[in-house]
Amino acid sequence: MSKVKNLTSKTKCSQCGAFEVVPIRRTEFYKGVLIENIPATRCYNCGEELYDLETVQLMEQVAAAPQKYAQMVEMPVARVA
């Protein structure tokens, strides 16, 4: 049984026109900074994901001054080829 019972939304997808747009949270590597818990929307019909203007502006602020918003974390990186 699916946990998502109703995908109908009042928001229309700008790509396909479906009313199946739902809020999500994303993690993205943006301009050299790993940003977590970014609010976005996703259309379940076509897969289009969008950020609103306020979110993009905040991401720009974070990328411009990561020392103000981010913490430094070491992580392993593997190369397979």
Protein backbone atom coordinates (compact mmCIF):
# COMPACT_ATOMS: atom_id res chain seq x y z
CA MET A 1 0.00 0.00 0.00
CA SER A 2 1.36 3.39 -0.98
CA LYS A 3 1.88 6.04 1.65
CA VAL A 4 1.11 8.72 -0.94
CA LYS A 5 -2.68 8.69 -1.15
CA ASN A 6 -3.41 11.86 -3.10
CA LEU A 7 -0.99 13.37 -5.57
CA THR A 8 -3.45 16.02 -6.72
CA SER A 9 -2.05 19.48 -6.12
CA LYS A 10 -3.25 23.03 -6.62
CA THR A 11 0.10 23.78 -8.22
CA LYS A 12 0.42 23.09 -11.92
CA CYS A 13 3.68 21.72 -13.33
CA SER A 14 5.31 24.27 -15.62
CA GLN A 15 6.77 21.47 -17.76
CA CYS A 16 3.85 19.08 -18.42
CA GLY A 17 0.81 20.87 -16.96
CA ALA A 18 -0.12 18.09 -14.53
CA PHE A 19 -1.48 18.88 -11.07
CA GLU A 20 0.81 16.31 -9.40
CA VAL A 21 3.36 18.72 -7.90
CA VAL A 22 4.42 17.91 -4.34
CA PRO A 23 6.94 19.43 -1.91
CA ILE A 24 10.24 17.58 -1.41
CA ARG A 25 13.62 18.17 0.26
CA ARG A 26 16.85 17.77 -1.70
CA THR A 27 20.59 17.65 -1.14
CA GLU A 28 22.67 19.25 -3.86
CA PHE A 29 26.30 20.06 -4.56
CA TYR A 30 25.92 23.71 -5.56
CA LYS A 31 28.86 25.87 -6.61
CA GLY A 32 31.30 23.83 -4.54
CA VAL A 33 29.14 23.56 -1.40
CA LEU A 34 27.07 20.55 -0.36
CA ILE A 35 23.70 21.99 0.69
CA GLU A 36 21.22 19.74 2.51
CA ASN A 37 17.50 19.93 3.17
CA ILE A 38 16.70 22.27 0.27
CA PRO A 39 12.95 22.81 -0.19
CA ALA A 40 11.81 22.10 -3.74
CA THR A 41 8.83 20.75 -5.66
CA ARG A 42 8.65 17.65 -7.88
CA CYS A 43 6.08 16.69 -10.46
CA TYR A 44 5.22 13.02 -10.14
CA ASN A 45 4.01 12.98 -13.73
CA CYS A 46 7.19 14.15 -15.53
CA GLY A 47 9.81 14.32 -12.74
CA GLU A 48 10.49 18.06 -13.10
CA GLU A 49 12.03 19.52 -9.92
CA LEU A 50 11.97 23.24 -9.16
CA TYR A 51 13.26 25.66 -6.53
CA ASP A 52 11.45 28.91 -5.81
CA LEU A 53 13.26 32.24 -6.15
CA GLU A 54 13.76 32.68 -2.39
CA THR A 55 15.43 29.26 -2.16
CA VAL A 56 17.76 29.97 -5.09
CA GLN A 57 18.74 33.30 -3.52
CA LEU A 58 19.54 31.56 -0.23
CA MET A 59 21.60 28.93 -2.09
CA GLU A 60 23.54 31.77 -3.75
CA GLN A 61 24.21 33.35 -0.33
CA VAL A 62 25.44 30.04 1.05
CA ALA A 63 27.73 29.48 -1.96
CA ALA A 64 29.11 33.03 -1.70
CA ALA A 65 29.98 32.70 2.02
CA PRO A 66 30.10 29.00 2.96
CA GLN A 67 32.10 29.74 6.13
CA LYS A 68 29.07 31.62 7.47
CA TYR A 69 26.55 28.84 6.77
CA ALA A 70 28.44 25.57 6.51
CA GLN A 71 30.71 23.38 8.55
CA MET A 72 33.76 21.59 7.16
CA VAL A 73 33.39 17.81 7.04
CA GLU A 74 35.89 15.25 5.82
CA MET A 75 34.51 12.48 3.66
CA PRO A 76 36.07 9.59 1.78
CA VAL A 77 36.21 9.85 -2.01
CA ALA A 78 36.71 6.75 -4.14
CA ARG A 79 37.74 6.62 -7.78
CA VAL A 80 36.68 3.47 -9.62
CA ALA A 81 38.06 4.14 -13.08
